[in-house]
PDB file of N, CA and C in Angstrom:
ATOM      1  N   MET A   1       0.849  -0.834 -15.696  1.00  0.00           N
ATOM      2  CA  MET A   1       1.534  -1.362 -14.459  1.00  0.00           C
ATOM      3  C   MET A   1       0.441  -2.709 -13.810  1.00  0.00           C
ATOM      4  N   GLU A   2       1.546  -3.765 -13.599  1.00  0.00           N
ATOM      5  CA  GLU A   2       1.203  -4.764 -13.502  1.00  0.00           C
ATOM      6  C   GLU A   2       0.815  -4.998 -11.791  1.00  0.00           C
ATOM      7  N   ARG A   3      -0.401  -6.053 -11.601  1.00  0.00           N
ATOM      8  CA  ARG A   3      -0.154  -6.337  -9.627  1.00  0.00           C
ATOM      9  C   ARG A   3       0.282  -5.380  -9.211  1.00  0.00           C
ATOM     10  N   GLU A   4       1.376  -6.650  -9.335  1.00  0.00           N
ATOM     11  CA  GLU A   4       2.492  -7.070  -8.711  1.00  0.00           C
ATOM     12  C   GLU A   4       3.435  -5.615  -8.266  1.00  0.00           C
ATOM     13  N   ASP A   5       3.156  -5.094  -9.458  1.00  0.00           N
ATOM     14  CA  ASP A   5       4.495  -3.926  -9.553  1.00  0.00           C
ATOM     15  C   ASP A   5       3.951  -3.084  -8.438  1.00  0.00           C
ATOM     16  N   VAL A   6       2.896  -2.349  -8.880  1.00  0.00           N
ATOM     17  CA  VAL A   6       1.852  -1.833  -7.895  1.00  0.00           C
ATOM     18  C   VAL A   6       2.087  -1.919  -6.358  1.00  0.00           C
ATOM     19  N   LYS A   7       2.006  -3.504  -5.958  1.00  0.00           N
ATOM     20  CA  LYS A   7       1.904  -3.723  -4.633  1.00  0.00           C
ATOM     21  C   LYS A   7       3.701  -3.516  -4.104  1.00  0.00           C
ATOM     22  N   SER A   8       4.197  -3.838  -4.898  1.00  0.00           N
ATOM     23  CA  SER A   8       5.911  -3.996  -4.865  1.00  0.00           C
ATOM     24  C   SER A   8       6.684  -2.679  -4.530  1.00  0.00           C
ATOM     25  N   ILE A   9       5.931  -1.539  -5.183  1.00  0.00           N
ATOM     26  CA  ILE A   9       5.678   0.205  -5.003  1.00  0.00           C
ATOM     27  C   ILE A   9       5.592   0.316  -4.009  1.00  0.00           C
ATOM     28  N   LEU A  10       4.002   0.431  -3.677  1.00  0.00           N
ATOM     29  CA  LEU A  10       3.409   0.418  -2.682  1.00  0.00           C
ATOM     30  C   LEU A  10       4.322   0.164  -1.627  1.00  0.00           C
ATOM     31  N   GLU A  11       4.535  -1.530  -1.122  1.00  0.00           N
ATOM     32  CA  GLU A  11       6.136  -1.657  -0.544  1.00  0.00           C
ATOM     33  C   GLU A  11       6.820  -0.564   0.147  1.00  0.00           C
ATOM     34  N   SER A  12       7.141  -0.116  -1.163  1.00  0.00           N
ATOM     35  CA  SER A  12       8.173   0.819  -1.004  1.00  0.00           C
ATOM     36  C   SER A  12       7.971   1.889  -0.511  1.00  0.00           C
ATOM     37  N   LEU A  13       6.763   2.572  -0.578  1.00  0.00           N
ATOM     38  CA  LEU A  13       6.877   3.667  -0.646  1.00  0.00           C
ATOM     39  C   LEU A  13       6.754   3.654   1.031  1.00  0.00           C
ATOM     40  N   LEU A  14       5.203   2.553   1.389  1.00  0.00           N
ATOM     41  CA  LEU A  14       5.299   2.756   2.696  1.00  0.00           C
ATOM     42  C   LEU A  14       6.333   3.148   3.664  1.00  0.00           C
ATOM     43  N   LEU A  15       7.104   1.963   3.767  1.00  0.00           N
ATOM     44  CA  LEU A  15       8.524   1.617   4.034  1.00  0.00           C
ATOM     45  C   LEU A  15       9.339   2.935   4.800  1.00  0.00           C
ATOM     46  N   VAL A  16       9.158   3.216   3.305  1.00  0.00           N
ATOM     47  CA  VAL A  16       9.946   5.229   3.180  1.00  0.00           C
ATOM     48  C   VAL A  16       9.247   6.578   3.731  1.00  0.00           C
ATOM     49  N   ALA A  17       7.767   5.825   4.201  1.00  0.00           N
ATOM     50  CA  ALA A  17       7.029   7.121   4.119  1.00  0.00           C
ATOM     51  C   ALA A  17       7.206   7.547   5.868  1.00  0.00           C
ATOM     52  N   ASP A  18       6.843   8.906   6.366  1.00  0.00           N
ATOM     53  CA  ASP A  18       7.402   9.448   7.755  1.00  0.00           C
ATOM     54  C   ASP A  18       6.113   9.017   8.442  1.00  0.00           C
ATOM     55  N   GLY A  19       4.819   8.880   7.809  1.00  0.00           N
ATOM     56  CA  GLY A  19       3.559   8.989   8.379  1.00  0.00           C
ATOM     57  C   GLY A  19       2.527   7.489   7.614  1.00  0.00           C
ATOM     58  N   PRO A  20       1.187   8.095   8.230  1.00  0.00           N
ATOM     59  CA  PRO A  20       0.280   7.348   7.449  1.00  0.00           C
ATOM     60  C   PRO A  20       0.015   7.960   5.696  1.00  0.00           C
ATOM     61  N   GLN A  21      -0.176   7.274   5.257  1.00  0.00           N
ATOM     62  CA  GLN A  21      -0.460   7.937   3.284  1.00  0.00           C
ATOM     63  C   GLN A  21      -2.041   7.286   2.748  1.00  0.00           C
ATOM     64  N   SER A  22      -2.621   7.932   2.510  1.00  0.00           N
ATOM     65  CA  SER A  22      -3.785   8.108   1.773  1.00  0.00           C
ATOM     66  C   SER A  22      -3.762   7.433   0.289  1.00  0.00           C
ATOM     67  N   VAL A  23      -4.655   6.701   0.423  1.00  0.00           N
ATOM     68  CA  VAL A  23      -5.149   6.384  -1.024  1.00  0.00           C
ATOM     69  C   VAL A  23      -4.706   7.320  -2.402  1.00  0.00           C
ATOM     70  N   HIS A  24      -5.484   8.385  -1.649  1.00  0.00           N
ATOM     71  CA  HIS A  24      -5.570   9.721  -2.981  1.00  0.00           C
ATOM     72  C   HIS A  24      -3.963  10.226  -3.156  1.00  0.00           C
ATOM     73  N   ARG A  25      -3.238  10.204  -2.133  1.00  0.00           N
ATOM     74  CA  ARG A  25      -1.968  10.016  -2.219  1.00  0.00           C
ATOM     75  C   ARG A  25      -1.039   9.579  -3.007  1.00  0.00           C
ATOM     76  N   PHE A  26      -1.160   8.028  -2.834  1.00  0.00           N
ATOM     77  CA  PHE A  26      -0.600   6.931  -4.046  1.00  0.00           C
ATOM     78  C   PHE A  26      -0.980   6.910  -5.131  1.00  0.00           C
ATOM     79  N   SER A  27      -2.167   7.218  -5.458  1.00  0.00           N
ATOM     80  CA  SER A  27      -3.423   7.271  -6.642  1.00  0.00           C
ATOM     81  C   SER A  27      -2.059   8.780  -7.310  1.00  0.00           C
ATOM     82  N   GLU A  28      -1.462  10.214  -6.508  1.00  0.00           N
ATOM     83  CA  GLU A  28      -0.428  11.063  -7.615  1.00  0.00           C
ATOM     84  C   GLU A  28       0.391  10.786  -7.864  1.00  0.00           C
ATOM     85  N   VAL A  29       0.926   9.668  -6.362  1.00  0.00           N
ATOM     86  CA  VAL A  29       2.668   9.466  -6.775  1.00  0.00           C
ATOM     87  C   VAL A  29       2.443   8.079  -7.821  1.00  0.00           C
ATOM     88  N   LEU A  30       1.356   7.524  -8.032  1.00  0.00           N
ATOM     89  CA  LEU A  30       1.776   6.565  -8.907  1.00  0.00           C
ATOM     90  C   LEU A  30       0.230   6.850 -10.035  1.00  0.00           C
ATOM     91  N   ASP A  31       1.073   8.025 -10.909  1.00  0.00           N
ATOM     92  CA  ASP A  31       0.095   8.331 -11.749  1.00  0.00           C
ATOM     93  C   ASP A  31      -0.583   7.232 -12.657  1.00  0.00           C
ATOM     94  N   GLY A  32      -1.496   7.452 -13.408  1.00  0.00           N
ATOM     95  CA  GLY A  32      -2.766   6.356 -14.434  1.00  0.00           C
ATOM     96  C   GLY A  32      -3.256   5.089 -13.516  1.00  0.00           C
ATOM     97  N   VAL A  33      -3.015   4.843 -12.118  1.00  0.00           N
ATOM     98  CA  VAL A  33      -2.886   3.498 -11.655  1.00  0.00           C
ATOM     99  C   VAL A  33      -4.836   4.817 -10.680  1.00  0.00           C
ATOM    100  N   GLY A  34      -5.316   4.102 -10.999  1.00  0.00           N
ATOM    101  CA  GLY A  34      -6.663   3.943 -10.406  1.00  0.00           C
ATOM    102  C   GLY A  34      -7.154   3.566  -8.678  1.00  0.00           C
ATOM    103  N   GLU A  35      -7.729   5.017  -7.763  1.00  0.00           N
ATOM    104  CA  GLU A  35      -7.400   4.904  -6.157  1.00  0.00           C
ATOM    105  C   GLU A  35      -8.198   3.355  -6.225  1.00  0.00           C
ATOM    106  N   ASP A  36      -9.177   2.804  -6.644  1.00  0.00           N
ATOM    107  CA  ASP A  36      -9.829   1.210  -6.680  1.00  0.00           C
ATOM    108  C   ASP A  36      -8.694   0.384  -6.652  1.00  0.00           C
ATOM    109  N   THR A  37      -8.039   0.523  -7.606  1.00  0.00           N
ATOM    110  CA  THR A  37      -6.551  -0.617  -7.862  1.00  0.00           C
ATOM    111  C   THR A  37      -5.904   0.028  -6.736  1.00  0.00           C
ATOM    112  N   ILE A  38      -5.366   0.854  -6.565  1.00  0.00           N
ATOM    113  CA  ILE A  38      -4.247   0.764  -4.794  1.00  0.00           C
ATOM    114  C   ILE A  38      -4.935   0.440  -3.824  1.00  0.00           C
ATOM    115  N   GLU A  39      -6.252   0.707  -3.395  1.00  0.00           N
ATOM    116  CA  GLU A  39      -7.047  -0.208  -2.172  1.00  0.00           C
ATOM    117  C   GLU A  39      -6.924  -1.135  -2.585  1.00  0.00           C
ATOM    118  N   SER A  40      -7.241  -1.811  -3.307  1.00  0.00           N
ATOM    119  CA  SER A  40      -7.121  -3.985  -3.424  1.00  0.00           C
ATOM    120  C   SER A  40      -6.080  -3.784  -3.515  1.00  0.00           C
ATOM    121  N   ALA A  41      -5.130  -3.433  -3.737  1.00  0.00           N
ATOM    122  CA  ALA A  41      -3.027  -3.738  -4.252  1.00  0.00           C
ATOM    123  C   ALA A  41      -2.989  -3.438  -2.346  1.00  0.00           C
ATOM    124  N   LEU A  42      -3.409  -2.503  -1.686  1.00  0.00           N
ATOM    125  CA  LEU A  42      -3.247  -3.014  -0.801  1.00  0.00           C
ATOM    126  C   LEU A  42      -3.479  -3.601   0.268  1.00  0.00           C
ATOM    127  N   ARG A  43      -5.017  -3.728  -0.374  1.00  0.00           N
ATOM    128  CA  ARG A  43      -5.859  -4.788   1.456  1.00  0.00           C
ATOM    129  C   ARG A  43      -4.634  -6.407   0.904  1.00  0.00           C
ATOM    130  N   GLU A  44      -4.429  -6.843  -0.564  1.00  0.00           N
ATOM    131  CA  GLU A  44      -3.697  -7.767  -1.192  1.00  0.00           C
ATOM    132  C   GLU A  44      -2.278  -7.861  -0.228  1.00  0.00           C
ATOM    133  N   LEU A  45      -1.577  -7.031  -0.141  1.00  0.00           N
ATOM    134  CA  LEU A  45      -0.944  -6.578   0.469  1.00  0.00           C
ATOM    135  C   LEU A  45      -0.630  -7.071   2.257  1.00  0.00           C
ATOM    136  N   GLN A  46      -1.941  -6.230   2.971  1.00  0.00           N
ATOM    137  CA  GLN A  46      -2.183  -6.140   4.031  1.00  0.00           C
ATOM    138  C   GLN A  46      -2.013  -7.742   3.889  1.00  0.00           C
ATOM    139  N   SER A  47      -2.803  -8.700   3.489  1.00  0.00           N
ATOM    140  CA  SER A  47      -3.473 -10.376   3.576  1.00  0.00           C
ATOM    141  C   SER A  47      -2.040 -10.794   3.744  1.00  0.00           C
ATOM    142  N   GLU A  48      -1.198 -10.046   2.759  1.00  0.00           N
ATOM    143  CA  GLU A  48      -0.095 -11.104   1.962  1.00  0.00           C
ATOM    144  C   GLU A  48       0.921 -11.055   3.993  1.00  0.00           C
ATOM    145  N   LEU A  49       0.684 -10.318   4.553  1.00  0.00           N
ATOM    146  CA  LEU A  49       1.972  -9.443   5.067  1.00  0.00           C
ATOM    147  C   LEU A  49       1.775 -10.966   6.949  1.00  0.00           C
ATOM    148  N   ASP A  50       0.222 -10.636   6.437  1.00  0.00           N
ATOM    149  CA  ASP A  50      -0.180 -11.479   7.613  1.00  0.00           C
ATOM    150  C   ASP A  50      -0.206 -12.856   7.911  1.00  0.00           C
ATOM    151  N   MET A  51      -0.799 -13.576   6.671  1.00  0.00           N
ATOM    152  CA  MET A  51      -0.304 -14.578   6.522  1.00  0.00           C
ATOM    153  C   MET A  51       0.674 -15.353   6.239  1.00  0.00           C
ATOM    154  N   GLN A  52       1.770 -14.231   5.931  1.00  0.00           N
ATOM    155  CA  GLN A  52       3.159 -14.862   6.288  1.00  0.00           C
ATOM    156  C   GLN A  52       3.952 -14.300   7.723  1.00  0.00           C
ATOM    157  N   ASN A  53       2.866 -13.984   8.781  1.00  0.00           N
ATOM    158  CA  ASN A  53       3.866 -14.307   9.526  1.00  0.00           C
ATOM    159  C   ASN A  53       4.803 -13.224  10.168  1.00  0.00           C
ATOM    160  N   ARG A  54       5.045 -11.924   9.070  1.00  0.00           N
ATOM    161  CA  ARG A  54       6.102 -11.198   8.907  1.00  0.00           C
ATOM    162  C   ARG A  54       6.369 -10.339  10.334  1.00  0.00           C
ATOM    163  N   GLY A  55       7.335  -9.707  10.780  1.00  0.00           N
ATOM    164  CA  GLY A  55       7.376  -9.219  11.510  1.00  0.00           C
ATOM    165  C   GLY A  55       7.057  -7.359  11.418  1.00  0.00           C
ATOM    166  N   ILE A  56       6.336  -7.780  10.693  1.00  0.00           N
ATOM    167  CA  ILE A  56       5.588  -6.461  10.589  1.00  0.00           C
ATOM    168  C   ILE A  56       4.035  -6.113   9.646  1.00  0.00           C
ATOM    169  N   ARG A  57       3.458  -5.015   9.590  1.00  0.00           N
ATOM    170  CA  ARG A  57       2.028  -5.270   9.390  1.00  0.00           C
ATOM    171  C   ARG A  57       1.805  -4.235   8.712  1.00  0.00           C
ATOM    172  N   LEU A  58       0.787  -4.036   7.675  1.00  0.00           N
ATOM    173  CA  LEU A  58      -0.350  -3.006   7.428  1.00  0.00           C
ATOM    174  C   LEU A  58      -1.172  -2.311   7.432  1.00  0.00           C
ATOM    175  N   ALA A  59      -1.218  -1.227   8.705  1.00  0.00           N
ATOM    176  CA  ALA A  59      -2.689  -1.138   8.813  1.00  0.00           C
ATOM    177  C   ALA A  59      -3.354  -0.006   8.896  1.00  0.00           C
ATOM    178  N   GLU A  60      -4.261   0.424   8.573  1.00  0.00           N
ATOM    179  CA  GLU A  60      -5.139   1.721   7.913  1.00  0.00           C
ATOM    180  C   GLU A  60      -4.812   3.146   9.445  1.00  0.00           C
ATOM    181  N   VAL A  61      -4.066   3.588   9.201  1.00  0.00           N
ATOM    182  CA  VAL A  61      -4.038   4.414  10.973  1.00  0.00           C
ATOM    183  C   VAL A  61      -4.423   5.917  10.326  1.00  0.00           C
ATOM    184  N   ALA A  62      -5.352   6.848  10.670  1.00  0.00           N
ATOM    185  CA  ALA A  62      -5.432   7.836  10.124  1.00  0.00           C
ATOM    186  C   ALA A  62      -6.232   8.757   9.303  1.00  0.00           C
ATOM    187  N   GLY A  63      -6.874   7.214   8.795  1.00  0.00           N
ATOM    188  CA  GLY A  63      -7.258   7.989   6.925  1.00  0.00           C
ATOM    189  C   GLY A  63      -5.934   7.252   6.427  1.00  0.00           C
ATOM    190  N   GLY A  64      -5.221   6.144   6.200  1.00  0.00           N
ATOM    191  CA  GLY A  64      -4.071   6.073   5.824  1.00  0.00           C
ATOM    192  C   GLY A  64      -3.686   4.889   5.789  1.00  0.00           C
ATOM    193  N   TYR A  65      -2.698   4.486   5.416  1.00  0.00           N
ATOM    194  CA  TYR A  65      -2.550   3.376   5.722  1.00  0.00           C
ATOM    195  C   TYR A  65      -0.407   3.342   5.865  1.00  0.00           C
ATOM    196  N   GLN A  66       0.017   3.035   6.939  1.00  0.00           N
ATOM    197  CA  GLN A  66       0.710   2.708   7.600  1.00  0.00           C
ATOM    198  C   GLN A  66       1.479   0.843   7.839  1.00  0.00           C
ATOM    199  N   LEU A  67       3.027   1.206   7.304  1.00  0.00           N
ATOM    200  CA  LEU A  67       3.542  -0.255   8.014  1.00  0.00           C
ATOM    201  C   LEU A  67       4.247  -0.092   9.072  1.00  0.00           C
TER     202      LEU A  67
END
């Protein structure tokens, strides 16, 4: 799976999540995508959202990630 696809899927999952989601949980959902890849993609997504000055932020909260 391409890195941009992983980031897009993660963003979609975060938008519909009812609370913080762990990297481990994302790796269960994205079968075949390792936790290192997910962590890296989340950091990239977080940086992109910050740099684009968008109305949402990606934050690490309670052992997981949340928009």
